[in-house]
Amino acid sequence: MFKSFLTDESGAQVVEYALVIAVVSILLIIALRPLATGTSLSDLVDRVFTCLGGVECG
């Protein structure tokens, strides 16, 4: 019974996906932090929409 538990890898994919999601989330937080300095969340969203619209972000 213990050997079969050690060789079972069915939960490994879930752990891998969770790690990927965690890393991507951390990278997004780090990348978006300069946009949010001293602003509220709505200001951040407005700035992202402006930058995605092709207007210079300055």
N, C-alpha and C. Protein backbone atom coordinates (compact mmCIF):
# COMPACT_ATOMS: atom_id res chain seq x y z
N MET A 1 0.82 -1.18 0.00
CA MET A 1 0.00 0.00 0.00
C MET A 1 0.88 1.26 0.00
N PHE A 2 1.92 1.28 0.78
CA PHE A 2 2.80 2.44 0.86
C PHE A 2 3.55 2.64 -0.45
N LYS A 3 3.97 1.53 -1.10
CA LYS A 3 4.68 1.63 -2.38
C LYS A 3 3.78 2.23 -3.46
N SER A 4 2.53 1.82 -3.48
CA SER A 4 1.62 2.36 -4.49
C SER A 4 1.37 3.85 -4.25
N PHE A 5 1.37 4.28 -3.00
CA PHE A 5 1.21 5.70 -2.69
C PHE A 5 2.40 6.50 -3.19
N LEU A 6 3.60 5.96 -3.05
CA LEU A 6 4.80 6.66 -3.49
C LEU A 6 4.90 6.77 -5.01
N THR A 7 4.39 5.78 -5.72
CA THR A 7 4.50 5.79 -7.18
C THR A 7 3.33 6.50 -7.86
N ASP A 8 2.28 6.82 -7.11
CA ASP A 8 1.12 7.50 -7.68
C ASP A 8 1.47 8.97 -7.93
N GLU A 9 1.33 9.42 -9.17
CA GLU A 9 1.67 10.80 -9.53
C GLU A 9 0.45 11.56 -10.03
N SER A 10 -0.73 11.17 -9.66
CA SER A 10 -1.93 11.82 -10.19
C SER A 10 -2.10 13.24 -9.68
N GLY A 11 -1.60 13.58 -8.53
CA GLY A 11 -1.73 14.93 -8.01
C GLY A 11 -0.59 15.86 -8.41
N ALA A 12 0.41 15.33 -9.10
CA ALA A 12 1.57 16.14 -9.46
C ALA A 12 1.21 17.26 -10.43
N GLN A 13 0.30 17.00 -11.36
CA GLN A 13 -0.08 18.03 -12.32
C GLN A 13 -0.76 19.21 -11.64
N VAL A 14 -1.57 18.94 -10.65
CA VAL A 14 -2.26 20.01 -9.94
C VAL A 14 -1.25 20.90 -9.23
N VAL A 15 -0.26 20.31 -8.63
CA VAL A 15 0.78 21.07 -7.94
C VAL A 15 1.57 21.91 -8.93
N GLU A 16 1.89 21.34 -10.08
CA GLU A 16 2.64 22.07 -11.10
C GLU A 16 1.84 23.26 -11.61
N TYR A 17 0.56 23.08 -11.88
CA TYR A 17 -0.27 24.18 -12.33
C TYR A 17 -0.38 25.26 -11.25
N ALA A 18 -0.49 24.87 -10.01
CA ALA A 18 -0.57 25.85 -8.92
C ALA A 18 0.73 26.66 -8.83
N LEU A 19 1.86 26.01 -9.02
CA LEU A 19 3.13 26.74 -9.00
C LEU A 19 3.26 27.71 -10.16
N VAL A 20 2.81 27.30 -11.34
CA VAL A 20 2.85 28.18 -12.50
C VAL A 20 1.96 29.39 -12.28
N ILE A 21 0.76 29.17 -11.76
CA ILE A 21 -0.15 30.28 -11.49
C ILE A 21 0.44 31.23 -10.44
N ALA A 22 1.08 30.68 -9.43
CA ALA A 22 1.69 31.52 -8.39
C ALA A 22 2.82 32.37 -8.98
N VAL A 23 3.66 31.79 -9.81
CA VAL A 23 4.78 32.54 -10.40
C VAL A 23 4.26 33.63 -11.33
N VAL A 24 3.27 33.30 -12.15
CA VAL A 24 2.71 34.31 -13.07
C VAL A 24 2.07 35.44 -12.27
N SER A 25 1.38 35.12 -11.19
CA SER A 25 0.75 36.15 -10.36
C SER A 25 1.79 37.08 -9.75
N ILE A 26 2.86 36.51 -9.25
CA ILE A 26 3.93 37.32 -8.66
C ILE A 26 4.56 38.23 -9.72
N LEU A 27 4.80 37.70 -10.91
CA LEU A 27 5.38 38.51 -11.98
C LEU A 27 4.45 39.64 -12.40
N LEU A 28 3.15 39.38 -12.44
CA LEU A 28 2.20 40.44 -12.78
C LEU A 28 2.18 41.53 -11.72
N ILE A 29 2.23 41.15 -10.48
CA ILE A 29 2.25 42.14 -9.40
C ILE A 29 3.50 43.00 -9.50
N ILE A 30 4.64 42.37 -9.75
CA ILE A 30 5.89 43.12 -9.87
C ILE A 30 5.85 44.03 -11.09
N ALA A 31 5.30 43.56 -12.21
CA ALA A 31 5.27 44.35 -13.43
C ALA A 31 4.31 45.52 -13.34
N LEU A 32 3.20 45.37 -12.62
CA LEU A 32 2.19 46.42 -12.54
C LEU A 32 2.42 47.40 -11.39
N ARG A 33 3.33 47.08 -10.51
CA ARG A 33 3.57 47.94 -9.34
C ARG A 33 3.97 49.37 -9.73
N PRO A 34 4.86 49.59 -10.72
CA PRO A 34 5.20 50.98 -11.08
C PRO A 34 4.00 51.79 -11.58
N LEU A 35 3.01 51.13 -12.15
CA LEU A 35 1.83 51.84 -12.64
C LEU A 35 0.94 52.31 -11.50
N ALA A 36 1.03 51.67 -10.35
CA ALA A 36 0.09 51.92 -9.27
C ALA A 36 0.66 52.79 -8.15
N THR A 37 1.80 53.38 -8.33
CA THR A 37 2.38 54.17 -7.25
C THR A 37 1.58 55.44 -7.03
N GLY A 38 1.02 55.59 -5.86
CA GLY A 38 0.28 56.78 -5.48
C GLY A 38 -1.06 56.95 -6.16
N THR A 39 -1.60 55.90 -6.73
CA THR A 39 -2.89 56.02 -7.41
C THR A 39 -3.86 55.00 -6.84
N SER A 40 -5.13 55.26 -7.10
CA SER A 40 -6.15 54.30 -6.69
C SER A 40 -6.29 53.23 -7.76
N LEU A 41 -7.07 52.20 -7.48
CA LEU A 41 -7.24 51.10 -8.43
C LEU A 41 -7.93 51.58 -9.70
N SER A 42 -8.90 52.47 -9.60
CA SER A 42 -9.58 52.96 -10.80
C SER A 42 -8.62 53.76 -11.68
N ASP A 43 -7.72 54.52 -11.06
CA ASP A 43 -6.72 55.25 -11.83
C ASP A 43 -5.78 54.29 -12.56
N LEU A 44 -5.43 53.19 -11.89
CA LEU A 44 -4.58 52.18 -12.51
C LEU A 44 -5.27 51.57 -13.72
N VAL A 45 -6.54 51.23 -13.58
CA VAL A 45 -7.28 50.62 -14.68
C VAL A 45 -7.38 51.61 -15.85
N ASP A 46 -7.66 52.88 -15.55
CA ASP A 46 -7.73 53.89 -16.60
C ASP A 46 -6.40 54.04 -17.33
N ARG A 47 -5.32 54.00 -16.59
CA ARG A 47 -4.00 54.14 -17.21
C ARG A 47 -3.67 52.94 -18.10
N VAL A 48 -4.03 51.74 -17.65
CA VAL A 48 -3.79 50.55 -18.47
C VAL A 48 -4.60 50.63 -19.76
N PHE A 49 -5.87 51.04 -19.68
CA PHE A 49 -6.69 51.19 -20.89
C PHE A 49 -6.10 52.22 -21.83
N THR A 50 -5.58 53.32 -21.29
CA THR A 50 -4.97 54.35 -22.10
C THR A 50 -3.73 53.81 -22.81
N CYS A 51 -2.90 53.09 -22.09
CA CYS A 51 -1.67 52.55 -22.68
C CYS A 51 -1.98 51.50 -23.74
N LEU A 52 -3.01 50.69 -23.50
CA LEU A 52 -3.37 49.67 -24.48
C LEU A 52 -4.03 50.27 -25.71
N GLY A 53 -4.57 51.48 -25.56
CA GLY A 53 -5.23 52.14 -26.69
C GLY A 53 -4.29 52.79 -27.68
N GLY A 54 -3.00 52.74 -27.42
CA GLY A 54 -2.03 53.29 -28.36
C GLY A 54 -1.59 54.70 -28.04
N VAL A 55 -2.15 55.29 -26.98
CA VAL A 55 -1.75 56.63 -26.58
C VAL A 55 -0.48 56.50 -25.76
N GLU A 56 0.40 57.49 -25.87
CA GLU A 56 1.65 57.44 -25.11
C GLU A 56 1.37 57.44 -23.60
N CYS A 57 2.04 56.55 -22.90
CA CYS A 57 1.76 56.36 -21.47
C CYS A 57 2.52 57.31 -20.57
N GLY A 58 3.63 57.83 -21.01
CA GLY A 58 4.42 58.80 -20.28
C GLY A 58 4.69 58.47 -18.92
